[in-house]
Amino acid sequence: MENTLGSIVRTARKEKGFTQGQLAKLCGLSKATIGNIETGRNPNSSVATLELISKHLDLDIKKLQNPCAVTNESACGDKTITSPSQNDLELISLLCNNISKLSEKEKSIIRLLLE
């Protein structure tokens, strides 16, 4: 089974017996938004959107924010990867939603900081 945001939402939605349209209406979102999340065309949804979806599908929001995390920590070579905090996730979401507005110089600085 895939462990992506889209697959988690799709599986939980179907288990609840909702159509995309029904879930969208419950969440106050468009059917296209739900469809885009489920198909991976919108993998960087806002925290507010994920909170609405998690509420109506009875999912832990952390599972939607970090679908690949199997446990809180996992080994990756000689490094330990810890799941990001809520503040980190909000910052990542903000960055993803605004990356196109950054200059190349700003993007270069971010790349350096992330290396």
C-alpha atoms as a PDB file:
ATOM      1  CA  MET A   1       0.000   0.000   0.000  1.00  0.00           C
ATOM      2  CA  GLU A   2       1.256   3.445  -0.860  1.00  0.00           C
ATOM      3  CA  ASN A   3       2.006   5.705   2.065  1.00  0.00           C
ATOM      4  CA  THR A   4       1.318   9.085   0.482  1.00  0.00           C
ATOM      5  CA  LEU A   5      -0.975  11.905   1.508  1.00  0.00           C
ATOM      6  CA  GLY A   6      -3.249  11.149  -1.439  1.00  0.00           C
ATOM      7  CA  SER A   7      -3.528   7.431  -0.786  1.00  0.00           C
ATOM      8  CA  ILE A   8      -4.193   7.973   2.923  1.00  0.00           C
ATOM      9  CA  VAL A   9      -6.975  10.489   2.216  1.00  0.00           C
ATOM     10  CA  ARG A  10      -8.505   8.349  -0.559  1.00  0.00           C
ATOM     11  CA  THR A  11      -8.487   5.183   1.577  1.00  0.00           C
ATOM     12  CA  ALA A  12      -9.958   6.913   4.648  1.00  0.00           C
ATOM     13  CA  ARG A  13     -12.590   8.694   2.527  1.00  0.00           C
ATOM     14  CA  LYS A  14     -13.713   5.432   0.943  1.00  0.00           C
ATOM     15  CA  GLU A  15     -13.764   3.672   4.320  1.00  0.00           C
ATOM     16  CA  LYS A  16     -16.127   6.403   5.574  1.00  0.00           C
ATOM     17  CA  GLY A  17     -18.284   5.929   2.471  1.00  0.00           C
ATOM     18  CA  PHE A  18     -17.813   9.500   1.233  1.00  0.00           C
ATOM     19  CA  THR A  19     -17.483  10.599  -2.350  1.00  0.00           C
ATOM     20  CA  GLN A  20     -14.940  13.308  -3.113  1.00  0.00           C
ATOM     21  CA  GLY A  21     -17.834  15.746  -3.440  1.00  0.00           C
ATOM     22  CA  GLN A  22     -19.302  14.804  -0.069  1.00  0.00           C
ATOM     23  CA  LEU A  23     -15.966  15.173   1.705  1.00  0.00           C
ATOM     24  CA  ALA A  24     -15.345  18.484  -0.030  1.00  0.00           C
ATOM     25  CA  LYS A  25     -18.732  19.796   1.101  1.00  0.00           C
ATOM     26  CA  LEU A  26     -18.124  18.692   4.704  1.00  0.00           C
ATOM     27  CA  CYS A  27     -14.731  20.425   4.695  1.00  0.00           C
ATOM     28  CA  GLY A  28     -15.875  23.550   2.861  1.00  0.00           C
ATOM     29  CA  LEU A  29     -13.426  22.784   0.053  1.00  0.00           C
ATOM     30  CA  SER A  30     -13.871  22.213  -3.653  1.00  0.00           C
ATOM     31  CA  LYS A  31     -14.182  18.728  -5.112  1.00  0.00           C
ATOM     32  CA  ALA A  32     -11.161  19.608  -7.274  1.00  0.00           C
ATOM     33  CA  THR A  33      -9.071  20.263  -4.150  1.00  0.00           C
ATOM     34  CA  ILE A  34      -9.890  16.816  -2.746  1.00  0.00           C
ATOM     35  CA  GLY A  35      -9.217  15.229  -6.133  1.00  0.00           C
ATOM     36  CA  ASN A  36      -5.901  17.041  -6.482  1.00  0.00           C
ATOM     37  CA  ILE A  37      -4.790  15.928  -3.028  1.00  0.00           C
ATOM     38  CA  GLU A  38      -5.749  12.321  -3.722  1.00  0.00           C
ATOM     39  CA  THR A  39      -3.948  12.216  -7.075  1.00  0.00           C
ATOM     40  CA  GLY A  40      -0.827  13.964  -5.806  1.00  0.00           C
ATOM     41  CA  ARG A  41      -1.318  17.136  -7.828  1.00  0.00           C
ATOM     42  CA  ASN A  42      -1.546  19.095  -4.564  1.00  0.00           C
ATOM     43  CA  PRO A  43       0.782  17.345  -2.088  1.00  0.00           C
ATOM     44  CA  ASN A  44       1.616  20.555  -0.191  1.00  0.00           C
ATOM     45  CA  SER A  45      -1.774  21.395   1.214  1.00  0.00           C
ATOM     46  CA  SER A  46      -2.089  24.021   3.918  1.00  0.00           C
ATOM     47  CA  VAL A  47      -2.261  23.035   7.563  1.00  0.00           C
ATOM     48  CA  ALA A  48      -5.829  24.388   7.692  1.00  0.00           C
ATOM     49  CA  THR A  49      -6.886  22.140   4.803  1.00  0.00           C
ATOM     50  CA  LEU A  50      -5.264  19.086   6.389  1.00  0.00           C
ATOM     51  CA  GLU A  51      -6.940  19.881   9.720  1.00  0.00           C
ATOM     52  CA  LEU A  52     -10.369  19.950   8.041  1.00  0.00           C
ATOM     53  CA  ILE A  53      -9.772  16.694   6.206  1.00  0.00           C
ATOM     54  CA  SER A  54      -8.348  14.931   9.256  1.00  0.00           C
ATOM     55  CA  LYS A  55     -11.315  16.069  11.364  1.00  0.00           C
ATOM     56  CA  HIS A  56     -13.925  14.696   8.968  1.00  0.00           C
ATOM     57  CA  LEU A  57     -12.052  11.462   8.267  1.00  0.00           C
ATOM     58  CA  ASP A  58     -11.115  10.847  11.926  1.00  0.00           C
ATOM     59  CA  LEU A  59      -7.408  10.824  11.072  1.00  0.00           C
ATOM     60  CA  ASP A  60      -4.475  12.013  13.140  1.00  0.00           C
ATOM     61  CA  ILE A  61      -3.321  15.207  11.416  1.00  0.00           C
ATOM     62  CA  LYS A  62       0.298  14.140  11.941  1.00  0.00           C
ATOM     63  CA  LYS A  63      -0.344  11.199   9.639  1.00  0.00           C
ATOM     64  CA  LEU A  64      -1.434  13.627   6.908  1.00  0.00           C
ATOM     65  CA  GLN A  65       1.390  16.083   7.515  1.00  0.00           C
ATOM     66  CA  ASN A  66       4.086  13.432   7.457  1.00  0.00           C
ATOM     67  CA  PRO A  67       2.640  10.362   5.693  1.00  0.00           C
ATOM     68  CA  CYS A  68       6.029   8.726   5.155  1.00  0.00           C
ATOM     69  CA  ALA A  69       6.938   8.630   8.839  1.00  0.00           C
ATOM     70  CA  VAL A  70       6.474   5.123  10.137  1.00  0.00           C
ATOM     71  CA  THR A  71       7.779   6.002  13.573  1.00  0.00           C
ATOM     72  CA  ASN A  72       8.880   9.206  15.220  1.00  0.00           C
ATOM     73  CA  GLU A  73      12.498   8.450  14.382  1.00  0.00           C
ATOM     74  CA  SER A  74      14.066   6.317  11.683  1.00  0.00           C
ATOM     75  CA  ALA A  75      17.625   5.546  10.734  1.00  0.00           C
ATOM     76  CA  CYS A  76      18.977   6.876   7.469  1.00  0.00           C
ATOM     77  CA  GLY A  77      22.564   5.809   7.000  1.00  0.00           C
ATOM     78  CA  ASP A  78      24.508   7.347   9.848  1.00  0.00           C
ATOM     79  CA  LYS A  79      21.850   9.991  10.549  1.00  0.00           C
ATOM     80  CA  THR A  80      18.673   9.838  12.594  1.00  0.00           C
ATOM     81  CA  ILE A  81      15.668  11.542  11.076  1.00  0.00           C
ATOM     82  CA  THR A  82      13.137  12.919  13.535  1.00  0.00           C
ATOM     83  CA  SER A  83       9.617  13.840  12.484  1.00  0.00           C
ATOM     84  CA  PRO A  84       9.260  17.609  12.178  1.00  0.00           C
ATOM     85  CA  SER A  85       7.429  19.632  14.798  1.00  0.00           C
ATOM     86  CA  GLN A  86       4.140  21.423  14.109  1.00  0.00           C
ATOM     87  CA  ASN A  87       6.065  24.713  13.718  1.00  0.00           C
ATOM     88  CA  ASP A  88       8.447  23.068  11.238  1.00  0.00           C
ATOM     89  CA  LEU A  89       5.530  21.700   9.209  1.00  0.00           C
ATOM     90  CA  GLU A  90       3.866  25.105   9.090  1.00  0.00           C
ATOM     91  CA  LEU A  91       7.140  26.668   7.944  1.00  0.00           C
ATOM     92  CA  ILE A  92       7.596  23.994   5.267  1.00  0.00           C
ATOM     93  CA  SER A  93       4.031  24.516   4.058  1.00  0.00           C
ATOM     94  CA  LEU A  94       4.535  28.287   3.939  1.00  0.00           C
ATOM     95  CA  LEU A  95       7.767  27.861   2.010  1.00  0.00           C
ATOM     96  CA  CYS A  96       6.216  25.415  -0.457  1.00  0.00           C
ATOM     97  CA  ASN A  97       3.248  27.679  -1.072  1.00  0.00           C
ATOM     98  CA  ASN A  98       5.487  30.705  -1.709  1.00  0.00           C
ATOM     99  CA  ILE A  99       8.619  29.275  -3.339  1.00  0.00           C
ATOM    100  CA  SER A 100       7.724  30.710  -6.747  1.00  0.00           C
ATOM    101  CA  LYS A 101       7.790  34.217  -5.264  1.00  0.00           C
ATOM    102  CA  LEU A 102      11.416  33.926  -4.179  1.00  0.00           C
ATOM    103  CA  SER A 103      14.310  35.291  -6.193  1.00  0.00           C
ATOM    104  CA  GLU A 104      17.039  32.941  -7.385  1.00  0.00           C
ATOM    105  CA  LYS A 105      19.373  34.459  -4.775  1.00  0.00           C
ATOM    106  CA  GLU A 106      16.869  33.694  -1.997  1.00  0.00           C
ATOM    107  CA  LYS A 107      16.448  30.141  -3.309  1.00  0.00           C
ATOM    108  CA  SER A 108      20.237  29.709  -3.330  1.00  0.00           C
ATOM    109  CA  ILE A 109      20.426  30.822   0.300  1.00  0.00           C
ATOM    110  CA  ILE A 110      17.743  28.310   1.266  1.00  0.00           C
ATOM    111  CA  ARG A 111      19.589  25.537  -0.593  1.00  0.00           C
ATOM    112  CA  LEU A 112      22.762  26.364   1.325  1.00  0.00           C
ATOM    113  CA  LEU A 113      20.921  26.335   4.628  1.00  0.00           C
ATOM    114  CA  LEU A 114      19.358  22.950   3.868  1.00  0.00           C
ATOM    115  CA  GLU A 115      22.590  21.206   2.872  1.00  0.00           C
END
